[in-house]
Amino acid sequence: MEIVFNAEFVTALSLLGAGIAMIAGIGPGIGQGFAAGKAVEAVGRQPEAIGKITTTMLVGQAMAETTGLYALIIAFVLIGQ
């Protein structure tokens, strides 16, 4: 028995995979919001450390954003199939 996939089936699965890949965008959003909230709390406790806190928060958020960007790239690759 031979299984044959037509072009429409492959396109549909590619689009479904792209949608599932974009679910990964939820995690960075939650993580960045949590980090920003904790940074605001830290500045509230130690206003003199605002520079260090802001720098550390931005580096952490940049690292968290890479997950969302990788998911977006995968989605574009799947749509381009």
N, C-alpha and C. Protein backbone atom coordinates (compact mmCIF):
# COMPACT_ATOMS: atom_id res chain seq x y z
N MET A 1 0.84 -1.18 0.00
CA MET A 1 0.00 0.00 0.00
C MET A 1 0.89 1.25 0.00
N GLU A 2 0.64 2.12 -0.94
CA GLU A 2 1.44 3.33 -1.09
C GLU A 2 0.63 4.54 -0.63
N ILE A 3 1.25 5.37 0.20
CA ILE A 3 0.59 6.58 0.69
C ILE A 3 1.08 7.75 -0.14
N VAL A 4 0.12 8.49 -0.70
CA VAL A 4 0.45 9.63 -1.55
C VAL A 4 -0.13 10.89 -0.92
N PHE A 5 0.69 11.91 -0.74
CA PHE A 5 0.23 13.19 -0.20
C PHE A 5 0.19 14.20 -1.34
N ASN A 6 -0.96 14.84 -1.52
CA ASN A 6 -1.04 15.86 -2.55
C ASN A 6 -0.57 17.21 -2.02
N ALA A 7 -0.41 18.18 -2.89
CA ALA A 7 0.15 19.49 -2.53
C ALA A 7 -0.73 20.22 -1.53
N GLU A 8 -2.04 20.09 -1.64
CA GLU A 8 -2.94 20.78 -0.72
C GLU A 8 -2.79 20.25 0.70
N PHE A 9 -2.59 18.96 0.83
CA PHE A 9 -2.42 18.35 2.15
C PHE A 9 -1.12 18.85 2.80
N VAL A 10 -0.06 18.89 2.03
CA VAL A 10 1.23 19.36 2.54
C VAL A 10 1.14 20.83 2.92
N THR A 11 0.47 21.65 2.11
CA THR A 11 0.29 23.07 2.43
C THR A 11 -0.52 23.24 3.70
N ALA A 12 -1.57 22.47 3.85
CA ALA A 12 -2.40 22.57 5.05
C ALA A 12 -1.61 22.22 6.30
N LEU A 13 -0.83 21.16 6.23
CA LEU A 13 -0.02 20.78 7.39
C LEU A 13 1.08 21.80 7.68
N SER A 14 1.63 22.42 6.63
CA SER A 14 2.64 23.47 6.84
C SER A 14 2.03 24.67 7.55
N LEU A 15 0.84 25.07 7.14
CA LEU A 15 0.17 26.21 7.79
C LEU A 15 -0.22 25.87 9.22
N LEU A 16 -0.65 24.65 9.44
CA LEU A 16 -0.97 24.22 10.81
C LEU A 16 0.28 24.24 11.68
N GLY A 17 1.38 23.76 11.15
CA GLY A 17 2.65 23.79 11.88
C GLY A 17 3.10 25.21 12.18
N ALA A 18 2.88 26.13 11.24
CA ALA A 18 3.25 27.53 11.47
C ALA A 18 2.42 28.12 12.60
N GLY A 19 1.15 27.80 12.63
CA GLY A 19 0.30 28.28 13.72
C GLY A 19 0.72 27.72 15.07
N ILE A 20 1.05 26.46 15.10
CA ILE A 20 1.51 25.83 16.34
C ILE A 20 2.84 26.43 16.78
N ALA A 21 3.73 26.74 15.83
CA ALA A 21 5.02 27.34 16.17
C ALA A 21 4.82 28.70 16.81
N MET A 22 3.80 29.44 16.42
CA MET A 22 3.58 30.77 16.97
C MET A 22 3.03 30.73 18.39
N ILE A 23 2.60 29.58 18.85
CA ILE A 23 2.20 29.46 20.27
C ILE A 23 3.41 29.74 21.16
N ALA A 24 4.60 29.49 20.63
CA ALA A 24 5.83 29.75 21.40
C ALA A 24 6.00 31.24 21.68
N GLY A 25 5.26 32.10 21.02
CA GLY A 25 5.33 33.53 21.29
C GLY A 25 4.69 33.93 22.60
N ILE A 26 3.90 33.06 23.18
CA ILE A 26 3.24 33.37 24.44
C ILE A 26 4.25 33.39 25.59
N GLY A 27 5.17 32.46 25.59
CA GLY A 27 6.16 32.35 26.67
C GLY A 27 7.02 33.59 26.85
N PRO A 28 7.62 34.11 25.77
CA PRO A 28 8.44 35.31 25.94
C PRO A 28 7.62 36.51 26.43
N GLY A 29 6.40 36.62 26.00
CA GLY A 29 5.56 37.73 26.46
C GLY A 29 5.32 37.67 27.96
N ILE A 30 5.00 36.50 28.44
CA ILE A 30 4.79 36.33 29.88
C ILE A 30 6.09 36.56 30.65
N GLY A 31 7.18 35.99 30.16
CA GLY A 31 8.47 36.13 30.83
C GLY A 31 8.95 37.57 30.88
N GLN A 32 8.77 38.30 29.79
CA GLN A 32 9.21 39.69 29.76
C GLN A 32 8.36 40.56 30.67
N GLY A 33 7.09 40.29 30.71
CA GLY A 33 6.22 41.04 31.63
C GLY A 33 6.60 40.78 33.08
N PHE A 34 6.87 39.54 33.40
CA PHE A 34 7.28 39.18 34.76
C PHE A 34 8.60 39.87 35.12
N ALA A 35 9.56 39.85 34.19
CA ALA A 35 10.87 40.47 34.44
C ALA A 35 10.73 41.98 34.64
N ALA A 36 9.91 42.62 33.81
CA ALA A 36 9.72 44.07 33.95
C ALA A 36 9.06 44.40 35.29
N GLY A 37 8.10 43.59 35.70
CA GLY A 37 7.45 43.82 36.99
C GLY A 37 8.41 43.69 38.16
N LYS A 38 9.24 42.67 38.10
CA LYS A 38 10.23 42.49 39.18
C LYS A 38 11.28 43.60 39.16
N ALA A 39 11.63 44.10 37.98
CA ALA A 39 12.59 45.20 37.90
C ALA A 39 12.00 46.47 38.53
N VAL A 40 10.72 46.70 38.28
CA VAL A 40 10.07 47.87 38.89
C VAL A 40 10.05 47.73 40.41
N GLU A 41 9.77 46.53 40.89
CA GLU A 41 9.81 46.30 42.34
C GLU A 41 11.21 46.56 42.90
N ALA A 42 12.23 46.09 42.18
CA ALA A 42 13.61 46.28 42.65
C ALA A 42 13.99 47.75 42.68
N VAL A 43 13.58 48.50 41.67
CA VAL A 43 13.87 49.94 41.64
C VAL A 43 13.13 50.63 42.78
N GLY A 44 11.94 50.17 43.08
CA GLY A 44 11.19 50.74 44.20
C GLY A 44 11.90 50.53 45.53
N ARG A 45 12.60 49.40 45.66
CA ARG A 45 13.33 49.11 46.90
C ARG A 45 14.68 49.82 46.96
N GLN A 46 15.35 49.90 45.80
CA GLN A 46 16.69 50.52 45.76
C GLN A 46 16.78 51.46 44.55
N PRO A 47 16.27 52.68 44.67
CA PRO A 47 16.27 53.59 43.52
C PRO A 47 17.67 53.95 43.01
N GLU A 48 18.66 53.86 43.88
CA GLU A 48 20.02 54.22 43.45
C GLU A 48 20.63 53.18 42.50
N ALA A 49 20.04 51.99 42.42
CA ALA A 49 20.56 50.92 41.57
C ALA A 49 19.81 50.82 40.24
N ILE A 50 19.16 51.88 39.83
CA ILE A 50 18.31 51.82 38.63
C ILE A 50 19.10 51.44 37.39
N GLY A 51 20.33 51.92 37.24
CA GLY A 51 21.13 51.61 36.06
C GLY A 51 21.46 50.14 35.93
N LYS A 52 21.91 49.54 37.02
CA LYS A 52 22.25 48.11 37.00
C LYS A 52 21.01 47.25 36.78
N ILE A 53 19.93 47.63 37.44
CA ILE A 53 18.68 46.85 37.33
C ILE A 53 18.15 46.91 35.90
N THR A 54 18.15 48.10 35.32
CA THR A 54 17.65 48.26 33.96
C THR A 54 18.50 47.48 32.96
N THR A 55 19.81 47.56 33.09
CA THR A 55 20.70 46.84 32.18
C THR A 55 20.48 45.34 32.28
N THR A 56 20.42 44.84 33.49
CA THR A 56 20.21 43.40 33.69
C THR A 56 18.86 42.96 33.13
N MET A 57 17.82 43.78 33.36
CA MET A 57 16.49 43.44 32.86
C MET A 57 16.47 43.41 31.33
N LEU A 58 17.09 44.38 30.69
CA LEU A 58 17.08 44.43 29.23
C LEU A 58 17.85 43.27 28.61
N VAL A 59 18.96 42.88 29.21
CA VAL A 59 19.71 41.73 28.70
C VAL A 59 18.87 40.46 28.84
N GLY A 60 18.22 40.31 29.99
CA GLY A 60 17.36 39.14 30.19
C GLY A 60 16.19 39.11 29.23
N GLN A 61 15.60 40.28 28.97
CA GLN A 61 14.48 40.32 28.03
C GLN A 61 14.93 40.04 26.60
N ALA A 62 16.11 40.48 26.26
CA ALA A 62 16.63 40.18 24.92
C ALA A 62 16.83 38.68 24.74
N MET A 63 17.32 38.02 25.78
CA MET A 63 17.49 36.57 25.72
C MET A 63 16.14 35.86 25.61
N ALA A 64 15.15 36.36 26.34
CA ALA A 64 13.82 35.75 26.29
C ALA A 64 13.18 35.95 24.92
N GLU A 65 13.45 37.07 24.29
CA GLU A 65 12.83 37.38 23.00
C GLU A 65 13.33 36.46 21.90
N THR A 66 14.53 35.91 22.04
CA THR A 66 15.05 35.05 20.98
C THR A 66 14.17 33.82 20.76
N THR A 67 13.53 33.34 21.81
CA THR A 67 12.62 32.19 21.65
C THR A 67 11.47 32.55 20.72
N GLY A 68 10.89 33.71 20.94
CA GLY A 68 9.79 34.15 20.07
C GLY A 68 10.25 34.39 18.64
N LEU A 69 11.45 34.92 18.47
CA LEU A 69 11.96 35.16 17.12
C LEU A 69 12.24 33.85 16.39
N TYR A 70 12.78 32.86 17.11
CA TYR A 70 13.00 31.56 16.48
C TYR A 70 11.67 30.95 16.03
N ALA A 71 10.66 31.08 16.84
CA ALA A 71 9.34 30.55 16.47
C ALA A 71 8.80 31.27 15.23
N LEU A 72 9.00 32.58 15.16
CA LEU A 72 8.54 33.34 14.00
C LEU A 72 9.29 32.92 12.74
N ILE A 73 10.58 32.70 12.84
CA ILE A 73 11.36 32.26 11.69
C ILE A 73 10.89 30.89 11.21
N ILE A 74 10.65 29.98 12.15
CA ILE A 74 10.15 28.65 11.78
C ILE A 74 8.80 28.76 11.10
N ALA A 75 7.93 29.63 11.61
CA ALA A 75 6.62 29.81 10.98
C ALA A 75 6.76 30.33 9.55
N PHE A 76 7.66 31.30 9.32
CA PHE A 76 7.88 31.80 7.97
C PHE A 76 8.44 30.72 7.06
N VAL A 77 9.33 29.91 7.58
CA VAL A 77 9.89 28.82 6.77
C VAL A 77 8.78 27.83 6.39
N LEU A 78 7.91 27.51 7.34
CA LEU A 78 6.83 26.56 7.04
C LEU A 78 5.83 27.14 6.05
N ILE A 79 5.54 28.43 6.16
CA ILE A 79 4.59 29.05 5.22
C ILE A 79 5.18 29.11 3.83
N GLY A 80 6.51 29.28 3.74
CA GLY A 80 7.16 29.36 2.44
C GLY A 80 7.27 28.03 1.73
N GLN A 81 6.89 26.93 2.33
CA GLN A 81 6.98 25.61 1.72
C GLN A 81 6.14 25.52 0.49
